[in-house]
Amino acid sequence: MKTYRKSLLCLLLALTLLVMTACSGGGEEKEEEVLLPIQVNGMEIKVGETTVQALLDQGIDVYWVNDDYEQVVVDPSQELEANAYYSGGAISISDDIFAQISFVTEEEAVPMGQAVIARLEFHMFGEEDPAVLEGIQFDGVPVAELTRDKAGEKYPDWTGDENMWLKYGLEYQYSLFFDSSSQRLTQFTVEREYDVDWTGKD
């Protein structure tokens, strides 16, 4: 009888440890967030990964506002502070299409070329050349084809209304804005959150 009870006790203890291990393992797992990429003329831009230098290497001019409040082409060798967020940047795709960008440094001070793109906000106004629009893609879809209805079908778990469609994830935020009459995409933003000093370049 004692042997039976001892065996039963061991079995219950083993089951308890198994359940505790399974529960603790599940609690440690984080939901993996998939980054939606942007593509400009064949170049994939990943917010939180792509550097300023990578844009320059592809022939994309990157501008920012200097200390004299003038818009100038960035100097990739200019030293930036560690753990700092810099806004006021821009890239120009055409006369009618431009993007505002912000870039970030993390644990070490680095040249501007090594700073990572932290935010990308595209604006599309006027009569854009269809060929230019074809070269800009959001998550693999040319922006000319990404209507409000298509965005709702492609991202059913996002929120918004007939003019905007939004996603606030664990690290990334996405915002799509549409013309109310034509449903065409007029603006989109991809942003990654960073725990850094926000007193960098404005």
Protein backbone atom coordinates (compact mmCIF):
# COMPACT_ATOMS: atom_id res chain seq x y z
CA MET A 1 0.00 0.00 0.00
CA LYS A 2 2.85 2.35 0.86
CA THR A 3 4.51 1.59 -2.49
CA TYR A 4 1.25 2.38 -4.33
CA ARG A 5 0.85 5.68 -2.51
CA LYS A 6 4.47 6.56 -3.14
CA SER A 7 4.10 5.83 -6.86
CA LEU A 8 0.89 7.86 -7.03
CA LEU A 9 2.58 10.76 -5.23
CA CYS A 10 5.53 10.66 -7.63
CA LEU A 11 3.15 10.63 -10.61
CA LEU A 12 1.20 13.63 -9.28
CA LEU A 13 4.45 15.49 -8.60
CA ALA A 14 5.71 14.77 -12.12
CA LEU A 15 2.41 15.99 -13.65
CA THR A 16 2.53 19.16 -11.52
CA LEU A 17 6.08 19.92 -12.67
CA LEU A 18 5.10 19.26 -16.27
CA VAL A 19 2.16 21.70 -16.08
CA MET A 20 4.29 24.34 -14.33
CA THR A 21 7.01 24.03 -16.97
CA ALA A 22 4.51 24.34 -19.80
CA CYS A 23 2.88 27.40 -18.25
CA SER A 24 6.15 29.18 -17.47
CA GLY A 25 7.48 28.42 -20.94
CA GLY A 26 4.39 29.88 -22.54
CA GLY A 27 4.64 33.01 -20.42
CA GLU A 28 8.22 33.67 -21.55
CA GLU A 29 7.40 33.49 -25.24
CA LYS A 30 6.82 36.84 -26.94
CA GLU A 31 4.58 37.33 -29.89
CA GLU A 32 6.86 37.91 -32.87
CA GLU A 33 5.88 41.05 -34.76
CA VAL A 34 6.37 40.99 -38.52
CA LEU A 35 7.80 44.19 -40.00
CA LEU A 36 6.01 45.36 -43.15
CA PRO A 37 8.65 46.60 -45.62
CA ILE A 38 8.60 49.61 -47.92
CA GLN A 39 10.12 49.43 -51.38
CA VAL A 40 11.36 52.42 -53.38
CA ASN A 41 12.58 51.79 -56.92
CA GLY A 42 13.63 48.25 -56.07
CA MET A 43 15.24 49.10 -52.73
CA GLU A 44 13.64 47.59 -49.66
CA ILE A 45 13.51 49.97 -46.70
CA LYS A 46 12.93 48.40 -43.30
CA VAL A 47 12.19 50.87 -40.55
CA GLY A 48 14.36 49.98 -37.56
CA GLU A 49 16.99 48.28 -39.76
CA THR A 50 17.86 50.32 -42.87
CA THR A 51 20.56 52.96 -42.35
CA VAL A 52 20.92 56.45 -43.80
CA GLN A 53 24.01 55.25 -45.67
CA ALA A 54 22.01 52.47 -47.34
CA LEU A 55 19.69 55.12 -48.80
CA LEU A 56 22.63 57.19 -50.00
CA ASP A 57 24.26 54.13 -51.57
CA GLN A 58 21.13 53.66 -53.69
CA GLY A 59 21.33 57.22 -54.99
CA ILE A 60 18.54 58.53 -52.75
CA ASP A 61 19.33 62.02 -51.51
CA VAL A 62 18.64 62.44 -47.80
CA TYR A 63 18.09 65.97 -46.49
CA TRP A 64 17.75 67.42 -43.04
CA VAL A 65 17.49 70.83 -41.40
CA ASN A 66 20.84 72.08 -40.11
CA ASP A 67 21.55 74.42 -37.20
CA ASP A 68 20.83 77.41 -39.46
CA TYR A 69 17.38 75.99 -40.27
CA GLU A 70 18.41 75.30 -43.86
CA GLN A 71 17.57 72.08 -45.66
CA VAL A 72 20.83 70.48 -46.76
CA VAL A 73 21.97 67.09 -48.01
CA VAL A 74 23.13 65.05 -45.02
CA ASP A 75 26.80 64.50 -44.35
CA PRO A 76 27.09 60.77 -43.58
CA SER A 77 30.32 61.36 -41.64
CA GLN A 78 28.74 63.84 -39.21
CA GLU A 79 28.91 62.44 -35.68
CA LEU A 80 25.62 61.95 -33.87
CA GLU A 81 25.06 61.50 -30.16
CA ALA A 82 24.32 58.09 -28.63
CA ASN A 83 20.76 57.19 -27.67
CA ALA A 84 19.25 60.10 -29.59
CA TYR A 85 16.31 60.56 -31.95
CA TYR A 86 16.66 62.95 -34.90
CA SER A 87 13.66 64.22 -36.83
CA GLY A 88 13.49 66.79 -39.63
CA GLY A 89 14.92 64.53 -42.33
CA ALA A 90 13.45 64.04 -45.80
CA ILE A 91 13.95 62.16 -49.04
CA SER A 92 12.60 63.26 -52.40
CA ILE A 93 11.29 60.70 -54.89
CA SER A 94 9.79 63.10 -57.46
CA ASP A 95 8.32 66.60 -57.70
CA ASP A 96 5.06 65.30 -56.21
CA ILE A 97 6.29 62.57 -53.87
CA PHE A 98 8.49 62.98 -50.81
CA ALA A 99 8.98 61.29 -47.48
CA GLN A 100 9.78 62.71 -44.09
CA ILE A 101 12.20 60.56 -42.13
CA SER A 102 13.56 60.36 -38.62
CA PHE A 103 16.64 58.42 -37.63
CA VAL A 104 17.97 57.10 -34.37
CA THR A 105 21.19 56.12 -32.64
CA GLU A 106 21.35 53.60 -29.86
CA GLU A 107 24.09 52.68 -27.37
CA GLU A 108 27.00 54.35 -29.16
CA ALA A 109 27.63 57.65 -30.93
CA VAL A 110 27.91 56.94 -34.67
CA PRO A 111 28.34 58.84 -37.93
CA MET A 112 25.03 59.88 -39.48
CA GLY A 113 25.45 57.28 -42.21
CA GLN A 114 25.17 54.52 -39.60
CA ALA A 115 22.03 55.94 -37.99
CA VAL A 116 18.95 53.76 -38.48
CA ILE A 117 15.69 54.93 -40.04
CA ALA A 118 13.17 55.08 -37.17
CA ARG A 119 10.22 56.68 -38.97
CA LEU A 120 9.21 57.04 -42.60
CA GLU A 121 6.21 59.13 -43.66
CA PHE A 122 5.37 59.24 -47.38
CA HIS A 123 3.25 62.00 -48.94
CA MET A 124 1.76 61.67 -52.40
CA PHE A 125 -0.05 64.71 -53.78
CA GLY A 126 -0.72 66.14 -57.23
CA GLU A 127 -0.73 64.29 -60.53
CA GLU A 128 1.98 61.74 -59.93
CA ASP A 129 3.53 59.82 -62.79
CA PRO A 130 2.07 56.27 -62.71
CA ALA A 131 5.54 54.88 -63.37
CA VAL A 132 6.87 56.64 -60.25
CA LEU A 133 3.98 55.31 -58.16
CA GLU A 134 4.65 51.82 -59.47
CA GLY A 135 8.15 52.03 -57.96
CA ILE A 136 6.81 52.65 -54.45
CA GLN A 137 5.34 49.66 -52.63
CA PHE A 138 3.88 49.12 -49.18
CA ASP A 139 4.21 45.51 -48.04
CA GLY A 140 4.64 44.35 -51.64
CA VAL A 141 1.67 46.29 -53.06
CA PRO A 142 2.25 49.29 -55.39
CA VAL A 143 0.80 52.36 -53.67
CA ALA A 144 -1.38 53.13 -56.72
CA GLU A 145 -3.19 49.81 -56.12
CA LEU A 146 -3.54 50.11 -52.34
CA THR A 147 -7.04 51.57 -52.05
CA ARG A 148 -8.97 51.82 -48.81
CA ASP A 149 -10.99 48.71 -49.66
CA LYS A 150 -7.88 46.71 -50.52
CA ALA A 151 -6.22 47.78 -47.26
CA GLY A 152 -9.26 46.60 -45.32
CA GLU A 153 -9.13 43.21 -47.04
CA LYS A 154 -5.37 42.83 -46.63
CA TYR A 155 -5.28 43.94 -42.97
CA PRO A 156 -8.65 42.99 -41.43
CA ASP A 157 -7.36 43.32 -37.84
CA TRP A 158 -6.42 47.00 -38.24
CA THR A 159 -8.71 49.84 -37.14
CA GLY A 160 -9.89 53.13 -38.61
CA ASP A 161 -12.58 54.53 -40.88
CA GLU A 162 -13.11 55.25 -44.59
CA ASN A 163 -10.21 57.75 -44.61
CA MET A 164 -7.57 55.93 -42.57
CA TRP A 165 -6.48 52.45 -41.57
CA LEU A 166 -4.19 52.03 -38.56
CA LYS A 167 -2.16 49.39 -36.76
CA TYR A 168 -0.43 49.93 -33.39
CA GLY A 169 1.70 46.88 -32.75
CA LEU A 170 4.18 45.92 -30.05
CA GLU A 171 7.05 47.84 -31.65
CA TYR A 172 5.74 49.14 -34.96
CA GLN A 173 2.99 51.56 -35.91
CA TYR A 174 1.41 51.82 -39.35
CA SER A 175 -0.89 54.55 -40.63
CA LEU A 176 -2.52 54.63 -44.06
CA PHE A 177 -4.51 57.68 -45.21
CA PHE A 178 -6.84 57.80 -48.21
CA ASP A 179 -8.66 60.35 -50.33
CA SER A 180 -12.34 60.10 -49.39
CA SER A 181 -13.63 60.38 -52.96
CA SER A 182 -11.10 58.38 -54.99
CA GLN A 183 -10.00 55.98 -52.20
CA ARG A 184 -6.41 56.43 -53.39
CA LEU A 185 -3.59 56.31 -50.88
CA THR A 186 -2.27 59.82 -50.19
CA GLN A 187 -0.03 59.23 -47.17
CA PHE A 188 1.41 56.37 -45.16
CA THR A 189 3.66 56.11 -42.13
CA VAL A 190 5.78 53.33 -40.66
CA GLU A 191 7.35 53.97 -37.27
CA ARG A 192 9.27 51.97 -34.71
CA GLU A 193 9.29 52.93 -31.04
CA TYR A 194 12.63 53.59 -29.35
CA ASP A 195 13.55 54.27 -25.74
CA VAL A 196 16.04 57.05 -26.50
CA ASP A 197 16.73 60.71 -25.79
CA TRP A 198 14.16 62.80 -27.68
CA THR A 199 16.18 66.02 -27.44
CA GLY A 200 18.06 65.38 -30.68
CA LYS A 201 17.70 67.36 -33.86
CA ASP A 202 14.16 68.76 -34.39
